[in-house]
């Protein structure tokens, strides 16, 4: 949305978020099921939902304050920077996790 020059691209951006969320929820459940022991899978999915909720509350508070102080352009730029940082961290973590998973086999099988 930061780079959208008109409302059509803002609407397209919002539609893409809707589609991405529809993919994210089943993938997060699959990830928990593949990485946690069978008895802990419900707890793992609850942790993911708690993290999403707490992240939404925290980002609303921070972004609301940034919006008041500096305006929407700055808020979107900070959001983009934080998202890019999170993406890099996620890729690095998955790279390390993938190596350990290949060495140990399926982690969920090892823990059950």
N, C-alpha and C. Protein backbone atom coordinates (compact mmCIF):
# COMPACT_ATOMS: atom_id res chain seq x y z
N UNK A 1 0.82 -1.20 0.00
CA UNK A 1 0.00 0.00 0.00
C UNK A 1 0.86 1.26 0.00
N UNK A 2 2.05 1.13 0.55
CA UNK A 2 2.94 2.29 0.59
C UNK A 2 3.26 2.80 -0.81
N UNK A 3 3.39 1.90 -1.75
CA UNK A 3 3.77 2.28 -3.11
C UNK A 3 2.59 2.45 -4.06
N UNK A 4 1.37 2.30 -3.57
CA UNK A 4 0.19 2.39 -4.44
C UNK A 4 -0.06 3.84 -4.85
N UNK A 5 -0.05 4.11 -6.17
CA UNK A 5 -0.27 5.48 -6.62
C UNK A 5 -1.76 5.86 -6.72
N UNK A 6 -2.64 4.85 -6.68
CA UNK A 6 -4.07 5.16 -6.79
C UNK A 6 -4.88 4.14 -5.99
N UNK A 7 -6.18 4.39 -5.90
CA UNK A 7 -7.06 3.55 -5.08
C UNK A 7 -7.24 2.14 -5.65
N UNK A 8 -7.12 1.99 -6.95
CA UNK A 8 -7.26 0.67 -7.55
C UNK A 8 -6.19 -0.27 -6.99
N UNK A 9 -4.96 0.21 -6.91
CA UNK A 9 -3.89 -0.62 -6.38
C UNK A 9 -4.03 -0.83 -4.88
N UNK A 10 -4.63 0.10 -4.17
CA UNK A 10 -4.91 -0.11 -2.74
C UNK A 10 -5.92 -1.25 -2.59
N UNK A 11 -6.95 -1.26 -3.42
CA UNK A 11 -7.93 -2.34 -3.36
C UNK A 11 -7.31 -3.68 -3.73
N UNK A 12 -6.44 -3.69 -4.72
CA UNK A 12 -5.76 -4.93 -5.11
C UNK A 12 -4.88 -5.42 -3.96
N UNK A 13 -4.19 -4.49 -3.31
CA UNK A 13 -3.36 -4.85 -2.16
C UNK A 13 -4.20 -5.48 -1.05
N UNK A 14 -5.35 -4.91 -0.77
CA UNK A 14 -6.23 -5.46 0.25
C UNK A 14 -6.75 -6.84 -0.15
N UNK A 15 -7.06 -7.03 -1.41
CA UNK A 15 -7.52 -8.34 -1.88
C UNK A 15 -6.41 -9.38 -1.74
N UNK A 16 -5.18 -9.00 -2.01
CA UNK A 16 -4.06 -9.93 -1.86
C UNK A 16 -3.87 -10.32 -0.39
N UNK A 17 -4.09 -9.38 0.53
CA UNK A 17 -3.99 -9.70 1.95
C UNK A 17 -5.06 -10.72 2.34
N UNK A 18 -6.23 -10.58 1.80
CA UNK A 18 -7.31 -11.51 2.08
C UNK A 18 -6.94 -12.92 1.60
N UNK A 19 -6.39 -13.01 0.40
CA UNK A 19 -5.99 -14.30 -0.14
C UNK A 19 -4.80 -14.89 0.63
N UNK A 20 -3.87 -14.05 1.03
CA UNK A 20 -2.71 -14.53 1.78
C UNK A 20 -3.14 -15.07 3.14
N UNK A 21 -4.10 -14.42 3.78
CA UNK A 21 -4.58 -14.89 5.08
C UNK A 21 -5.26 -16.25 4.94
N UNK A 22 -5.97 -16.44 3.84
CA UNK A 22 -6.64 -17.72 3.59
C UNK A 22 -5.64 -18.86 3.42
N UNK A 23 -4.43 -18.55 2.98
CA UNK A 23 -3.38 -19.56 2.86
C UNK A 23 -2.63 -19.71 4.18
N UNK A 24 -2.42 -18.61 4.89
CA UNK A 24 -1.62 -18.61 6.10
C UNK A 24 -2.20 -19.49 7.20
N UNK A 25 -3.49 -19.45 7.41
CA UNK A 25 -4.11 -20.19 8.52
C UNK A 25 -3.92 -21.71 8.36
N UNK A 26 -4.26 -22.30 7.21
CA UNK A 26 -4.01 -23.74 7.09
C UNK A 26 -2.52 -24.11 7.15
N UNK A 27 -1.66 -23.27 6.61
CA UNK A 27 -0.23 -23.54 6.64
C UNK A 27 0.29 -23.51 8.07
N UNK A 28 -0.21 -22.58 8.89
CA UNK A 28 0.25 -22.53 10.28
C UNK A 28 -0.19 -23.78 11.04
N UNK A 29 -1.38 -24.27 10.77
CA UNK A 29 -1.84 -25.51 11.40
C UNK A 29 -0.99 -26.70 10.93
N UNK A 30 -0.68 -26.74 9.65
CA UNK A 30 0.17 -27.81 9.11
C UNK A 30 1.56 -27.76 9.74
N UNK A 31 2.12 -26.55 9.87
CA UNK A 31 3.45 -26.40 10.47
C UNK A 31 3.46 -26.93 11.90
N UNK A 32 2.44 -26.58 12.67
CA UNK A 32 2.36 -27.08 14.05
C UNK A 32 2.24 -28.60 14.05
N UNK A 33 1.42 -29.14 13.20
CA UNK A 33 1.23 -30.59 13.15
C UNK A 33 2.52 -31.32 12.75
N UNK A 34 3.34 -30.70 11.93
CA UNK A 34 4.57 -31.34 11.49
C UNK A 34 5.71 -31.19 12.50
N UNK A 35 5.65 -30.19 13.36
CA UNK A 35 6.78 -29.91 14.24
C UNK A 35 6.54 -30.24 15.70
N UNK A 36 5.32 -30.51 16.10
CA UNK A 36 5.04 -30.76 17.51
C UNK A 36 4.50 -32.17 17.70
N UNK A 37 4.73 -32.69 18.88
CA UNK A 37 4.18 -34.01 19.22
C UNK A 37 2.66 -33.96 19.17
N UNK A 38 2.07 -35.09 18.90
CA UNK A 38 0.61 -35.16 18.73
C UNK A 38 -0.15 -34.58 19.92
N UNK A 39 0.33 -34.84 21.13
CA UNK A 39 -0.36 -34.34 22.32
C UNK A 39 -0.22 -32.84 22.51
N UNK A 40 0.74 -32.22 21.86
CA UNK A 40 0.98 -30.78 22.01
C UNK A 40 0.47 -29.95 20.84
N UNK A 41 -0.13 -30.56 19.84
CA UNK A 41 -0.53 -29.83 18.64
C UNK A 41 -1.59 -28.78 18.89
N UNK A 42 -2.55 -29.08 19.74
CA UNK A 42 -3.59 -28.08 20.05
C UNK A 42 -2.96 -26.90 20.77
N UNK A 43 -2.04 -27.19 21.68
CA UNK A 43 -1.34 -26.12 22.40
C UNK A 43 -0.53 -25.26 21.42
N UNK A 44 0.13 -25.89 20.46
CA UNK A 44 0.91 -25.16 19.47
C UNK A 44 0.05 -24.25 18.61
N UNK A 45 -1.11 -24.75 18.20
CA UNK A 45 -2.01 -23.91 17.41
C UNK A 45 -2.56 -22.76 18.25
N UNK A 46 -2.79 -23.00 19.54
CA UNK A 46 -3.23 -21.93 20.44
C UNK A 46 -2.14 -20.87 20.57
N UNK A 47 -0.88 -21.31 20.66
CA UNK A 47 0.24 -20.36 20.74
C UNK A 47 0.30 -19.49 19.48
N UNK A 48 0.10 -20.09 18.34
CA UNK A 48 0.11 -19.31 17.10
C UNK A 48 -1.01 -18.28 17.11
N UNK A 49 -2.21 -18.69 17.51
CA UNK A 49 -3.33 -17.74 17.55
C UNK A 49 -3.10 -16.64 18.57
N UNK A 50 -2.51 -16.97 19.71
CA UNK A 50 -2.18 -15.94 20.71
C UNK A 50 -1.14 -14.98 20.16
N UNK A 51 -0.15 -15.51 19.45
CA UNK A 51 0.89 -14.65 18.86
C UNK A 51 0.30 -13.71 17.83
N UNK A 52 -0.61 -14.20 17.01
CA UNK A 52 -1.25 -13.36 16.01
C UNK A 52 -2.06 -12.25 16.68
N UNK A 53 -2.80 -12.61 17.73
CA UNK A 53 -3.62 -11.63 18.44
C UNK A 53 -2.75 -10.58 19.12
N UNK A 54 -1.73 -11.02 19.85
CA UNK A 54 -0.84 -10.08 20.54
C UNK A 54 -0.09 -9.20 19.53
N UNK A 55 0.33 -9.77 18.42
CA UNK A 55 0.98 -8.98 17.38
C UNK A 55 0.05 -7.92 16.81
N UNK A 56 -1.21 -8.28 16.62
CA UNK A 56 -2.19 -7.31 16.12
C UNK A 56 -2.44 -6.18 17.10
N UNK A 57 -2.56 -6.52 18.38
CA UNK A 57 -2.77 -5.49 19.40
C UNK A 57 -1.56 -4.57 19.49
N UNK A 58 -0.36 -5.17 19.56
CA UNK A 58 0.85 -4.37 19.65
C UNK A 58 1.04 -3.47 18.44
N UNK A 59 0.84 -4.04 17.25
CA UNK A 59 1.03 -3.23 16.04
C UNK A 59 -0.02 -2.13 15.93
N UNK A 60 -1.23 -2.39 16.39
CA UNK A 60 -2.25 -1.33 16.38
C UNK A 60 -1.87 -0.17 17.29
N UNK A 61 -1.35 -0.51 18.47
CA UNK A 61 -0.92 0.54 19.39
C UNK A 61 0.25 1.35 18.83
N UNK A 62 1.27 0.65 18.34
CA UNK A 62 2.45 1.33 17.82
C UNK A 62 2.12 2.11 16.55
N UNK A 63 1.42 1.47 15.62
CA UNK A 63 1.10 2.15 14.36
C UNK A 63 0.13 3.31 14.56
N UNK A 64 -0.77 3.16 15.52
CA UNK A 64 -1.66 4.29 15.83
C UNK A 64 -0.89 5.49 16.32
N UNK A 65 0.09 5.24 17.16
CA UNK A 65 0.92 6.34 17.66
C UNK A 65 1.77 6.93 16.55
N UNK A 66 2.37 6.07 15.70
CA UNK A 66 3.15 6.56 14.56
C UNK A 66 2.28 7.38 13.60
N UNK A 67 1.06 6.94 13.41
CA UNK A 67 0.13 7.66 12.54
C UNK A 67 -0.16 9.05 13.10
N UNK A 68 -0.35 9.15 14.41
CA UNK A 68 -0.59 10.44 15.05
C UNK A 68 0.62 11.37 14.95
N UNK A 69 1.80 10.81 15.13
CA UNK A 69 3.01 11.63 15.19
C UNK A 69 3.52 12.03 13.81
N UNK A 70 3.67 11.06 12.91
CA UNK A 70 4.36 11.31 11.64
C UNK A 70 3.49 11.19 10.39
N UNK A 71 2.32 10.57 10.50
CA UNK A 71 1.45 10.45 9.33
C UNK A 71 1.48 9.07 8.71
N UNK A 72 0.60 8.85 7.73
CA UNK A 72 0.45 7.51 7.15
C UNK A 72 1.66 7.02 6.36
N UNK A 73 2.36 7.90 5.66
CA UNK A 73 3.53 7.46 4.88
C UNK A 73 4.62 6.88 5.77
N UNK A 74 4.90 7.56 6.87
CA UNK A 74 5.93 7.08 7.81
C UNK A 74 5.49 5.77 8.46
N UNK A 75 4.22 5.71 8.85
CA UNK A 75 3.70 4.49 9.48
C UNK A 75 3.83 3.29 8.53
N UNK A 76 3.48 3.48 7.28
CA UNK A 76 3.58 2.39 6.31
C UNK A 76 5.04 2.02 6.03
N UNK A 77 5.93 3.00 6.03
CA UNK A 77 7.35 2.70 5.82
C UNK A 77 7.91 1.89 6.99
N UNK A 78 7.56 2.25 8.22
CA UNK A 78 8.01 1.50 9.38
C UNK A 78 7.42 0.09 9.34
N UNK A 79 6.15 -0.03 8.98
CA UNK A 79 5.52 -1.34 8.87
C UNK A 79 6.22 -2.20 7.83
N UNK A 80 6.59 -1.61 6.72
CA UNK A 80 7.31 -2.33 5.67
C UNK A 80 8.67 -2.80 6.17
N UNK A 81 9.39 -1.94 6.89
CA UNK A 81 10.70 -2.30 7.41
C UNK A 81 10.60 -3.43 8.43
N UNK A 82 9.62 -3.36 9.31
CA UNK A 82 9.45 -4.41 10.32
C UNK A 82 9.06 -5.73 9.64
N UNK A 83 8.19 -5.67 8.64
CA UNK A 83 7.78 -6.87 7.92
C UNK A 83 8.96 -7.49 7.17
N UNK A 84 9.77 -6.67 6.53
CA UNK A 84 10.95 -7.18 5.82
C UNK A 84 11.93 -7.83 6.79
N UNK A 85 12.12 -7.22 7.95
CA UNK A 85 13.00 -7.81 8.97
C UNK A 85 12.45 -9.16 9.44
N UNK A 86 11.15 -9.22 9.68
CA UNK A 86 10.52 -10.48 10.07
C UNK A 86 10.65 -11.55 9.00
N UNK A 87 10.55 -11.15 7.75
CA UNK A 87 10.69 -12.10 6.64
C UNK A 87 12.10 -12.69 6.61
N UNK A 88 13.11 -11.84 6.79
CA UNK A 88 14.50 -12.33 6.82
C UNK A 88 14.70 -13.29 7.99
N UNK A 89 14.19 -12.92 9.17
CA UNK A 89 14.31 -13.78 10.34
C UNK A 89 13.61 -15.12 10.10
N UNK A 90 12.43 -15.08 9.50
CA UNK A 90 11.68 -16.31 9.23
C UNK A 90 12.45 -17.22 8.26
N UNK A 91 13.01 -16.64 7.20
CA UNK A 91 13.78 -17.44 6.25
C UNK A 91 15.01 -18.06 6.90
N UNK A 92 15.71 -17.28 7.72
CA UNK A 92 16.88 -17.82 8.41
C UNK A 92 16.49 -18.93 9.38
N UNK A 93 15.40 -18.73 10.11
CA UNK A 93 14.95 -19.74 11.06
C UNK A 93 14.51 -21.01 10.34
N UNK A 94 13.81 -20.87 9.23
CA UNK A 94 13.38 -22.04 8.47
C UNK A 94 14.56 -22.76 7.84
N UNK A 95 15.58 -22.00 7.47
CA UNK A 95 16.78 -22.64 6.91
C UNK A 95 17.45 -23.51 7.97
N UNK A 96 17.60 -22.97 9.17
CA UNK A 96 18.18 -23.74 10.27
C UNK A 96 17.26 -24.88 10.66
N UNK A 97 15.96 -24.62 10.76
CA UNK A 97 14.99 -25.64 11.13
C UNK A 97 14.96 -26.75 10.09
N UNK A 98 15.03 -26.40 8.81
CA UNK A 98 15.02 -27.40 7.75
C UNK A 98 16.21 -28.32 7.82
N UNK A 99 17.39 -27.80 8.15
CA UNK A 99 18.58 -28.63 8.28
C UNK A 99 18.42 -29.60 9.45
N UNK A 100 17.94 -29.10 10.57
CA UNK A 100 17.75 -29.97 11.74
C UNK A 100 16.68 -31.01 11.48
N UNK A 101 15.63 -30.62 10.75
CA UNK A 101 14.55 -31.55 10.45
C UNK A 101 15.04 -32.69 9.55
N UNK A 102 15.89 -32.37 8.58
CA UNK A 102 16.44 -33.40 7.70
C UNK A 102 17.38 -34.34 8.45
N UNK A 103 18.14 -33.79 9.40
CA UNK A 103 19.06 -34.61 10.18
C UNK A 103 18.32 -35.55 11.12
N UNK A 104 17.23 -35.06 11.71
CA UNK A 104 16.50 -35.82 12.74
C UNK A 104 15.30 -36.57 12.20
N UNK A 105 14.93 -36.37 10.98
CA UNK A 105 13.68 -36.93 10.49
C UNK A 105 12.54 -36.01 10.89
N UNK A 106 11.33 -36.48 10.78
CA UNK A 106 10.16 -35.68 11.15
C UNK A 106 10.15 -35.47 12.66
N UNK A 107 10.20 -34.24 13.09
CA UNK A 107 10.25 -33.92 14.52
C UNK A 107 9.02 -34.42 15.25
N UNK A 108 7.87 -34.32 14.63
CA UNK A 108 6.63 -34.76 15.29
C UNK A 108 6.68 -36.26 15.56
N UNK A 109 7.27 -37.03 14.66
CA UNK A 109 7.37 -38.46 14.87
C UNK A 109 8.33 -38.78 16.02
N UNK A 110 9.43 -38.00 16.12
CA UNK A 110 10.39 -38.22 17.18
C UNK A 110 9.81 -37.96 18.56
N UNK A 111 8.89 -37.02 18.67
CA UNK A 111 8.36 -36.62 19.96
C UNK A 111 7.15 -37.42 20.40
N UNK A 112 6.50 -38.15 19.49
CA UNK A 112 5.29 -38.87 19.89
C UNK A 112 5.59 -40.18 20.55
